[in-house]
């Protein structure tokens, strides 16, 4: 398994003519995978609670206030 320092070293060694484009592609893919990993637990939690919110009106009671103006 590669370590972060190995990956960074390999990125630095990319050919000069393609360095910027390839580096940006790598950064973009890393950010996408990180965001996807962060969303998975939230999606699973929402799926687990979906039936509860559909069947227990008290859990969604405050949604009645969604259109109300709020002033601090």
PDB file of N, CA and C in Angstrom:
ATOM      1  N   UNK A   1       0.845  -1.189   0.000  1.00  0.00           N
ATOM      2  CA  UNK A   1       0.000   0.000   0.000  1.00  0.00           C
ATOM      3  C   UNK A   1       0.890   1.251   0.000  1.00  0.00           C
ATOM      4  N   UNK A   2       0.567   2.160  -0.881  1.00  0.00           N
ATOM      5  CA  UNK A   2       1.362   3.386  -0.990  1.00  0.00           C
ATOM      6  C   UNK A   2       1.020   4.346   0.150  1.00  0.00           C
ATOM      7  N   UNK A   3       2.024   5.016   0.610  1.00  0.00           N
ATOM      8  CA  UNK A   3       1.852   6.042   1.626  1.00  0.00           C
ATOM      9  C   UNK A   3       1.625   7.384   0.933  1.00  0.00           C
ATOM     10  N   UNK A   4       1.078   8.335   1.668  1.00  0.00           N
ATOM     11  CA  UNK A   4       0.809   9.660   1.103  1.00  0.00           C
ATOM     12  C   UNK A   4       2.076  10.292   0.545  1.00  0.00           C
ATOM     13  N   UNK A   5       3.191  10.118   1.240  1.00  0.00           N
ATOM     14  CA  UNK A   5       4.443  10.711   0.756  1.00  0.00           C
ATOM     15  C   UNK A   5       4.873  10.090  -0.574  1.00  0.00           C
ATOM     16  N   UNK A   6       4.628   8.778  -0.739  1.00  0.00           N
ATOM     17  CA  UNK A   6       4.955   8.120  -2.009  1.00  0.00           C
ATOM     18  C   UNK A   6       4.100   8.674  -3.142  1.00  0.00           C
ATOM     19  N   UNK A   7       2.831   8.859  -2.879  1.00  0.00           N
ATOM     20  CA  UNK A   7       1.909   9.386  -3.897  1.00  0.00           C
ATOM     21  C   UNK A   7       2.311  10.797  -4.293  1.00  0.00           C
ATOM     22  N   UNK A   8       2.596  11.628  -3.293  1.00  0.00           N
ATOM     23  CA  UNK A   8       3.011  13.013  -3.568  1.00  0.00           C
ATOM     24  C   UNK A   8       4.308  13.015  -4.378  1.00  0.00           C
ATOM     25  N   UNK A   9       5.239  12.177  -4.017  1.00  0.00           N
ATOM     26  CA  UNK A   9       6.511  12.083  -4.745  1.00  0.00           C
ATOM     27  C   UNK A   9       6.275  11.701  -6.208  1.00  0.00           C
ATOM     28  N   UNK A  10       5.389  10.723  -6.436  1.00  0.00           N
ATOM     29  CA  UNK A  10       5.089  10.296  -7.805  1.00  0.00           C
ATOM     30  C   UNK A  10       4.399  11.394  -8.608  1.00  0.00           C
ATOM     31  N   UNK A  11       3.552  12.152  -7.965  1.00  0.00           N
ATOM     32  CA  UNK A  11       2.874  13.263  -8.653  1.00  0.00           C
ATOM     33  C   UNK A  11       3.894  14.311  -9.075  1.00  0.00           C
ATOM     34  N   UNK A  12       4.840  14.577  -8.198  1.00  0.00           N
ATOM     35  CA  UNK A  12       5.880  15.569  -8.511  1.00  0.00           C
ATOM     36  C   UNK A  12       6.716  15.117  -9.705  1.00  0.00           C
ATOM     37  N   UNK A  13       6.866  13.815  -9.877  1.00  0.00           N
ATOM     38  CA  UNK A  13       7.678  13.271 -10.969  1.00  0.00           C
ATOM     39  C   UNK A  13       6.951  13.213 -12.314  1.00  0.00           C
ATOM     40  N   UNK A  14       5.703  13.635 -12.379  1.00  0.00           N
ATOM     41  CA  UNK A  14       4.973  13.633 -13.647  1.00  0.00           C
ATOM     42  C   UNK A  14       5.695  14.515 -14.663  1.00  0.00           C
ATOM     43  N   UNK A  15       5.627  14.153 -15.944  1.00  0.00           N
ATOM     44  CA  UNK A  15       6.283  14.963 -16.975  1.00  0.00           C
ATOM     45  C   UNK A  15       5.779  16.407 -16.948  1.00  0.00           C
ATOM     46  N   UNK A  16       6.684  17.333 -17.177  1.00  0.00           N
ATOM     47  CA  UNK A  16       6.367  18.758 -17.104  1.00  0.00           C
ATOM     48  C   UNK A  16       5.235  19.144 -18.045  1.00  0.00           C
ATOM     49  N   UNK A  17       5.183  18.582 -19.232  1.00  0.00           N
ATOM     50  CA  UNK A  17       4.173  18.977 -20.211  1.00  0.00           C
ATOM     51  C   UNK A  17       2.757  18.609 -19.766  1.00  0.00           C
ATOM     52  N   UNK A  18       2.620  17.605 -18.947  1.00  0.00           N
ATOM     53  CA  UNK A  18       1.290  17.161 -18.524  1.00  0.00           C
ATOM     54  C   UNK A  18       1.039  17.390 -17.037  1.00  0.00           C
ATOM     55  N   UNK A  19       1.998  17.926 -16.342  1.00  0.00           N
ATOM     56  CA  UNK A  19       1.942  18.014 -14.897  1.00  0.00           C
ATOM     57  C   UNK A  19       0.692  18.704 -14.385  1.00  0.00           C
ATOM     58  N   UNK A  20       0.394  19.899 -14.874  1.00  0.00           N
ATOM     59  CA  UNK A  20      -0.726  20.659 -14.329  1.00  0.00           C
ATOM     60  C   UNK A  20      -2.065  19.967 -14.563  1.00  0.00           C
ATOM     61  N   UNK A  21      -2.279  19.483 -15.762  1.00  0.00           N
ATOM     62  CA  UNK A  21      -3.540  18.823 -16.083  1.00  0.00           C
ATOM     63  C   UNK A  21      -3.694  17.553 -15.253  1.00  0.00           C
ATOM     64  N   UNK A  22      -2.679  16.726 -15.221  1.00  0.00           N
ATOM     65  CA  UNK A  22      -2.757  15.472 -14.481  1.00  0.00           C
ATOM     66  C   UNK A  22      -2.876  15.719 -12.983  1.00  0.00           C
ATOM     67  N   UNK A  23      -2.164  16.693 -12.472  1.00  0.00           N
ATOM     68  CA  UNK A  23      -2.279  17.010 -11.035  1.00  0.00           C
ATOM     69  C   UNK A  23      -3.697  17.446 -10.697  1.00  0.00           C
ATOM     70  N   UNK A  24      -4.273  18.271 -11.544  1.00  0.00           N
ATOM     71  CA  UNK A  24      -5.637  18.736 -11.289  1.00  0.00           C
ATOM     72  C   UNK A  24      -6.630  17.579 -11.348  1.00  0.00           C
ATOM     73  N   UNK A  25      -6.439  16.651 -12.280  1.00  0.00           N
ATOM     74  CA  UNK A  25      -7.303  15.475 -12.358  1.00  0.00           C
ATOM     75  C   UNK A  25      -7.191  14.627 -11.096  1.00  0.00           C
ATOM     76  N   UNK A  26      -5.979  14.478 -10.598  1.00  0.00           N
ATOM     77  CA  UNK A  26      -5.765  13.708  -9.375  1.00  0.00           C
ATOM     78  C   UNK A  26      -6.457  14.374  -8.197  1.00  0.00           C
ATOM     79  N   UNK A  27      -6.274  15.669  -8.053  1.00  0.00           N
ATOM     80  CA  UNK A  27      -6.907  16.407  -6.957  1.00  0.00           C
ATOM     81  C   UNK A  27      -8.426  16.313  -7.052  1.00  0.00           C
ATOM     82  N   UNK A  28      -8.949  16.460  -8.248  1.00  0.00           N
ATOM     83  CA  UNK A  28     -10.399  16.378  -8.457  1.00  0.00           C
ATOM     84  C   UNK A  28     -10.937  15.003  -8.053  1.00  0.00           C
ATOM     85  N   UNK A  29     -10.242  13.951  -8.440  1.00  0.00           N
ATOM     86  CA  UNK A  29     -10.693  12.598  -8.096  1.00  0.00           C
ATOM     87  C   UNK A  29     -10.616  12.356  -6.593  1.00  0.00           C
ATOM     88  N   UNK A  30      -9.584  12.858  -5.956  1.00  0.00           N
ATOM     89  CA  UNK A  30      -9.459  12.707  -4.501  1.00  0.00           C
ATOM     90  C   UNK A  30     -10.608  13.417  -3.796  1.00  0.00           C
ATOM     91  N   UNK A  31     -10.913  14.627  -4.217  1.00  0.00           N
ATOM     92  CA  UNK A  31     -12.012  15.377  -3.599  1.00  0.00           C
ATOM     93  C   UNK A  31     -13.353  14.684  -3.813  1.00  0.00           C
ATOM     94  N   UNK A  32     -13.597  14.176  -5.017  1.00  0.00           N
ATOM     95  CA  UNK A  32     -14.851  13.474  -5.291  1.00  0.00           C
ATOM     96  C   UNK A  32     -14.990  12.227  -4.424  1.00  0.00           C
ATOM     97  N   UNK A  33     -13.918  11.454  -4.314  1.00  0.00           N
ATOM     98  CA  UNK A  33     -14.003  10.223  -3.523  1.00  0.00           C
ATOM     99  C   UNK A  33     -14.205  10.543  -2.051  1.00  0.00           C
ATOM    100  N   UNK A  34     -13.592  11.619  -1.561  1.00  0.00           N
ATOM    101  CA  UNK A  34     -13.758  12.009  -0.163  1.00  0.00           C
ATOM    102  C   UNK A  34     -15.189  12.438   0.098  1.00  0.00           C
ATOM    103  N   UNK A  35     -15.759  13.237  -0.789  1.00  0.00           N
ATOM    104  CA  UNK A  35     -17.144  13.672  -0.617  1.00  0.00           C
ATOM    105  C   UNK A  35     -18.092  12.486  -0.655  1.00  0.00           C
ATOM    106  N   UNK A  36     -17.844  11.554  -1.558  1.00  0.00           N
ATOM    107  CA  UNK A  36     -18.695  10.373  -1.675  1.00  0.00           C
ATOM    108  C   UNK A  36     -18.634   9.540  -0.391  1.00  0.00           C
ATOM    109  N   UNK A  37     -17.441   9.357   0.163  1.00  0.00           N
ATOM    110  CA  UNK A  37     -17.279   8.594   1.400  1.00  0.00           C
ATOM    111  C   UNK A  37     -17.985   9.271   2.563  1.00  0.00           C
ATOM    112  N   UNK A  38     -17.983  10.608   2.592  1.00  0.00           N
ATOM    113  CA  UNK A  38     -18.651  11.341   3.670  1.00  0.00           C
ATOM    114  C   UNK A  38     -20.159  11.215   3.563  1.00  0.00           C
ATOM    115  N   UNK A  39     -20.692  11.119   2.357  1.00  0.00           N
ATOM    116  CA  UNK A  39     -22.139  11.063   2.160  1.00  0.00           C
ATOM    117  C   UNK A  39     -22.727   9.699   2.464  1.00  0.00           C
ATOM    118  N   UNK A  40     -21.959   8.634   2.320  1.00  0.00           N
ATOM    119  CA  UNK A  40     -22.498   7.292   2.505  1.00  0.00           C
ATOM    120  C   UNK A  40     -23.123   7.077   3.874  1.00  0.00           C
ATOM    121  N   UNK A  41     -22.468   7.420   4.984  1.00  0.00           N
ATOM    122  CA  UNK A  41     -23.111   7.219   6.285  1.00  0.00           C
ATOM    123  C   UNK A  41     -24.390   8.047   6.441  1.00  0.00           C
ATOM    124  N   UNK A  42     -24.400   9.248   5.885  1.00  0.00           N
ATOM    125  CA  UNK A  42     -25.594  10.089   5.972  1.00  0.00           C
ATOM    126  C   UNK A  42     -26.748   9.486   5.179  1.00  0.00           C
ATOM    127  N   UNK A  43     -26.450   8.942   4.003  1.00  0.00           N
ATOM    128  CA  UNK A  43     -27.485   8.315   3.190  1.00  0.00           C
ATOM    129  C   UNK A  43     -28.059   7.081   3.899  1.00  0.00           C
ATOM    130  N   UNK A  44     -27.186   6.282   4.499  1.00  0.00           N
ATOM    131  CA  UNK A  44     -27.646   5.092   5.214  1.00  0.00           C
ATOM    132  C   UNK A  44     -28.518   5.478   6.412  1.00  0.00           C
ATOM    133  N   UNK A  45     -28.115   6.508   7.141  1.00  0.00           N
ATOM    134  CA  UNK A  45     -28.893   6.962   8.287  1.00  0.00           C
ATOM    135  C   UNK A  45     -30.261   7.468   7.843  1.00  0.00           C
ATOM    136  N   UNK A  46     -30.290   8.211   6.751  1.00  0.00           N
ATOM    137  CA  UNK A  46     -31.564   8.724   6.245  1.00  0.00           C
ATOM    138  C   UNK A  46     -32.482   7.586   5.811  1.00  0.00           C
ATOM    139  N   UNK A  47     -31.920   6.582   5.162  1.00  0.00           N
ATOM    140  CA  UNK A  47     -32.726   5.431   4.738  1.00  0.00           C
ATOM    141  C   UNK A  47     -33.284   4.676   5.945  1.00  0.00           C
ATOM    142  N   UNK A  48     -32.471   4.540   6.985  1.00  0.00           N
ATOM    143  CA  UNK A  48     -32.919   3.826   8.189  1.00  0.00           C
ATOM    144  C   UNK A  48     -34.061   4.565   8.894  1.00  0.00           C
ATOM    145  N   UNK A  49     -34.017   5.877   8.858  1.00  0.00           N
ATOM    146  CA  UNK A  49     -35.015   6.675   9.587  1.00  0.00           C
ATOM    147  C   UNK A  49     -36.215   7.062   8.744  1.00  0.00           C
ATOM    148  N   UNK A  50     -36.175   6.796   7.452  1.00  0.00           N
ATOM    149  CA  UNK A  50     -37.235   7.231   6.552  1.00  0.00           C
ATOM    150  C   UNK A  50     -38.607   6.714   6.988  1.00  0.00           C
ATOM    151  N   UNK A  51     -38.701   5.440   7.291  1.00  0.00           N
ATOM    152  CA  UNK A  51     -39.992   4.856   7.701  1.00  0.00           C
ATOM    153  C   UNK A  51     -40.494   5.486   8.987  1.00  0.00           C
ATOM    154  N   UNK A  52     -39.582   5.753   9.918  1.00  0.00           N
ATOM    155  CA  UNK A  52     -39.989   6.389  11.181  1.00  0.00           C
ATOM    156  C   UNK A  52     -40.607   7.763  10.923  1.00  0.00           C
ATOM    157  N   UNK A  53     -39.969   8.538  10.073  1.00  0.00           N
ATOM    158  CA  UNK A  53     -40.490   9.884   9.790  1.00  0.00           C
ATOM    159  C   UNK A  53     -41.808   9.839   9.013  1.00  0.00           C
ATOM    160  N   UNK A  54     -41.992   8.821   8.203  1.00  0.00           N
ATOM    161  CA  UNK A  54     -43.250   8.684   7.470  1.00  0.00           C
ATOM    162  C   UNK A  54     -44.399   8.269   8.383  1.00  0.00           C
ATOM    163  N   UNK A  55     -44.102   7.476   9.392  1.00  0.00           N
ATOM    164  CA  UNK A  55     -45.147   6.904  10.236  1.00  0.00           C
ATOM    165  C   UNK A  55     -45.348   7.603  11.573  1.00  0.00           C
ATOM    166  N   UNK A  56     -44.387   8.363  12.037  1.00  0.00           N
ATOM    167  CA  UNK A  56     -44.503   9.042  13.331  1.00  0.00           C
ATOM    168  C   UNK A  56     -44.560  10.546  13.098  1.00  0.00           C
ATOM    169  N   UNK A  57     -45.752  11.098  13.134  1.00  0.00           N
ATOM    170  CA  UNK A  57     -45.952  12.521  12.809  1.00  0.00           C
ATOM    171  C   UNK A  57     -45.248  13.449  13.796  1.00  0.00           C
ATOM    172  N   UNK A  58     -44.993  12.988  15.022  1.00  0.00           N
ATOM    173  CA  UNK A  58     -44.308  13.839  15.999  1.00  0.00           C
ATOM    174  C   UNK A  58     -42.864  14.124  15.592  1.00  0.00           C
ATOM    175  N   UNK A  59     -42.246  13.212  14.873  1.00  0.00           N
ATOM    176  CA  UNK A  59     -40.873  13.426  14.431  1.00  0.00           C
ATOM    177  C   UNK A  59     -40.765  14.544  13.399  1.00  0.00           C
ATOM    178  N   UNK A  60     -41.827  14.779  12.675  1.00  0.00           N
ATOM    179  CA  UNK A  60     -41.819  15.809  11.632  1.00  0.00           C
ATOM    180  C   UNK A  60     -42.658  17.024  12.029  1.00  0.00           C
ATOM    181  N   UNK A  61     -42.969  17.139  13.317  1.00  0.00           N
ATOM    182  CA  UNK A  61     -43.844  18.201  13.797  1.00  0.00           C
ATOM    183  C   UNK A  61     -43.334  19.597  13.439  1.00  0.00           C
ATOM    184  N   UNK A  62     -42.042  19.822  13.570  1.00  0.00           N
ATOM    185  CA  UNK A  62     -41.509  21.160  13.325  1.00  0.00           C
ATOM    186  C   UNK A  62     -41.457  21.532  11.843  1.00  0.00           C
ATOM    187  N   UNK A  63     -41.686  20.595  10.960  1.00  0.00           N
ATOM    188  CA  UNK A  63     -41.704  20.939   9.539  1.00  0.00           C
ATOM    189  C   UNK A  63     -42.899  21.819   9.197  1.00  0.00           C
ATOM    190  N   UNK A  64     -43.878  21.860  10.086  1.00  0.00           N
ATOM    191  CA  UNK A  64     -45.023  22.753   9.870  1.00  0.00           C
ATOM    192  C   UNK A  64     -44.592  24.212   9.907  1.00  0.00           C
ATOM    193  N   UNK A  65     -43.460  24.476  10.518  1.00  0.00           N
ATOM    194  CA  UNK A  65     -42.959  25.844  10.648  1.00  0.00           C
ATOM    195  C   UNK A  65     -42.000  26.231   9.516  1.00  0.00           C
ATOM    196  N   UNK A  66     -41.811  25.363   8.553  1.00  0.00           N
ATOM    197  CA  UNK A  66     -40.846  25.606   7.476  1.00  0.00           C
ATOM    198  C   UNK A  66     -41.111  26.897   6.711  1.00  0.00           C
ATOM    199  N   UNK A  67     -42.333  27.276   6.536  1.00  0.00           N
ATOM    200  CA  UNK A  67     -42.643  28.483   5.762  1.00  0.00           C
ATOM    201  C   UNK A  67     -42.779  29.729   6.635  1.00  0.00           C
ATOM    202  N   UNK A  68     -42.623  29.576   7.934  1.00  0.00           N
ATOM    203  CA  UNK A  68     -42.747  30.711   8.841  1.00  0.00           C
ATOM    204  C   UNK A  68     -41.469  31.544   8.818  1.00  0.00           C
ATOM    205  N   UNK A  69     -41.635  32.856   8.991  1.00  0.00           N
ATOM    206  CA  UNK A  69     -40.474  33.734   9.110  1.00  0.00           C
ATOM    207  C   UNK A  69     -39.813  33.502  10.456  1.00  0.00           C
ATOM    208  N   UNK A  70     -38.495  33.562  10.484  1.00  0.00           N
ATOM    209  CA  UNK A  70     -37.767  33.356  11.728  1.00  0.00           C
ATOM    210  C   UNK A  70     -36.897  34.574  11.963  1.00  0.00           C
ATOM    211  N   UNK A  71     -37.021  35.126  13.127  1.00  0.00           N
ATOM    212  CA  UNK A  71     -36.193  36.273  13.492  1.00  0.00           C
ATOM    213  C   UNK A  71     -35.482  35.955  14.792  1.00  0.00           C
ATOM    214  N   UNK A  72     -34.188  36.172  14.836  1.00  0.00           N
ATOM    215  CA  UNK A  72     -33.403  35.881  16.036  1.00  0.00           C
ATOM    216  C   UNK A  72     -33.664  36.917  17.114  1.00  0.00           C
TER     217      UNK A  72
END
